[in-house]
Protein backbone atom coordinates (compact mmCIF):
# COMPACT_ATOMS: atom_id res chain seq x y z
CA MET A 1 -11.26 -3.01 15.45
CA HIS A 2 -8.93 -3.35 17.80
CA CYS A 3 -6.16 -1.17 19.26
CA SER A 4 -3.04 -3.36 21.07
CA LEU A 5 0.24 -2.15 22.97
CA TRP A 6 4.00 -3.90 22.99
CA ARG A 7 6.06 -2.16 25.54
CA PHE A 8 9.58 -3.69 25.38
CA GLU A 9 12.63 -2.35 27.14
CA GLY A 10 16.20 -2.64 26.27
CA ASP A 11 18.87 -1.41 24.14
CA PRO A 12 15.53 0.50 21.85
CA ASP A 13 18.82 -0.24 18.49
CA TYR A 14 18.68 -4.11 19.10
CA LEU A 15 14.92 -4.21 19.63
CA GLU A 16 14.23 -2.23 16.86
CA ARG A 17 16.72 -5.38 14.75
CA ARG A 18 14.65 -8.01 16.79
CA TYR A 19 11.03 -6.41 15.91
CA LEU A 20 12.09 -6.20 11.67
CA ASP A 21 13.33 -9.95 11.86
CA VAL A 22 9.22 -10.57 13.09
CA LEU A 23 8.44 -8.56 10.55
CA ALA A 24 9.80 -10.21 7.57
CA ALA A 25 8.35 -13.28 8.90
CA ILE A 26 4.61 -12.03 8.10
CA PRO A 27 2.89 -11.23 5.13
CA GLU A 28 2.36 -7.29 5.17
CA SER A 29 -0.85 -7.55 3.94
CA ASN A 30 -1.44 -9.04 7.32
CA HIS A 31 -1.36 -5.25 8.63
CA LYS A 32 -4.37 -2.77 8.57
CA LEU A 33 -2.82 -0.20 11.01
CA HIS A 34 0.61 -0.83 12.86
CA ALA A 35 3.35 1.29 14.07
CA ALA A 36 6.31 0.77 15.97
CA ALA A 37 8.43 3.16 17.30
CA LYS A 38 12.56 3.49 19.06
CA THR A 39 11.26 4.94 22.77
CA PRO A 40 14.75 6.80 24.82
CA THR A 41 14.52 2.95 26.98
CA GLY A 42 12.79 0.10 24.27
CA PHE A 43 10.59 0.16 22.11
CA LEU A 44 7.06 0.18 21.35
CA ILE A 45 4.50 -1.16 18.52
CA PHE A 46 0.42 -0.06 17.87
CA ASP A 47 -0.89 -2.87 16.23
CA THR A 48 -4.45 -3.47 15.13
CA CYS A 49 -6.89 -6.37 15.17
CA PRO A 50 -11.02 -6.91 13.94
CA SER A 51 -11.88 -7.50 17.17
CA GLU A 52 -10.74 -8.62 20.97
CA GLN A 53 -11.50 -12.43 20.37
CA VAL A 54 -9.48 -11.79 17.42
CA PHE A 55 -6.26 -10.25 19.64
CA HIS A 56 -6.04 -12.91 22.01
CA ASP A 57 -5.74 -15.26 19.01
CA PHE A 58 -3.32 -14.39 17.32
CA VAL A 59 -1.69 -13.78 20.96
CA ASP A 60 -1.80 -16.68 22.40
CA GLY A 61 -0.98 -18.44 20.11
CA PRO A 62 1.55 -17.48 17.25
CA VAL A 63 2.96 -14.33 17.75
CA ARG A 64 3.93 -14.55 20.78
CA GLU A 65 6.14 -17.59 19.73
CA LEU A 66 7.39 -15.74 16.46
CA PHE A 67 8.60 -13.39 19.23
CA ALA A 68 10.13 -15.84 22.14
CA GLU A 69 12.19 -16.68 18.11
CA HIS A 70 13.40 -13.21 18.01
CA GLY A 71 14.67 -12.71 21.00
CA LEU A 72 11.89 -10.39 21.72
CA THR A 73 9.63 -10.21 25.48
CA PRO A 74 7.18 -7.60 25.82
CA MET A 75 7.43 -7.16 29.29
CA SER A 76 3.65 -5.20 28.91
CA VAL A 77 0.47 -6.07 25.69
CA GLU A 78 -2.63 -3.69 26.39
CA ASP A 79 -5.48 -4.68 24.57
CA TYR A 80 -8.86 -1.68 23.81
CA PRO A 81 -11.88 -1.22 21.40
CA VAL A 82 -10.68 1.83 18.88
CA SER A 83 -12.48 4.39 18.69
CA ALA A 84 -12.07 6.02 16.09
CA ALA A 85 -8.89 4.68 13.15
CA TYR A 86 -7.38 6.85 10.14
CA ALA A 87 -4.50 6.10 7.75
CA GLN A 88 -3.42 8.33 4.53
CA GLY A 89 -6.03 9.97 5.48
CA THR A 90 -8.96 7.04 5.06
CA ARG A 91 -11.46 5.74 7.84
CA ILE A 92 -10.49 2.49 8.51
CA ASP A 93 -12.17 1.52 11.19
CA VAL A 94 -15.70 0.90 9.84
CA GLU A 95 -16.50 -1.43 7.55
C-alpha cells in the first residue's frame, strides 16, 4: 500500500467545495483509506493506493484531469510506502 499527500493552497472553503464535487464523481468503493482536511492556508488530501504503480497510473491519468475539471490544482503531491494503516480499529494495510 502507498499513501499520497495532496496539498492545495488557497481559500479553504472554496477548495473544500471543489473537492466535494470531485468526490461525487468517484465511487465510494474506490476508497480504501482516504481523508481530507481544511488547513489555515488551503486543503490537504490523504489517499492510499494498493501499490506505487497504481498510484502513478491514477495520478498521471484520470485523477489530475478530474481535479483540473473542478478547478483543483495541487501545489504538491507526495507518495510514500505505508508502514501501517488502520481504519475503525482494524489494520487494513495487510491482505
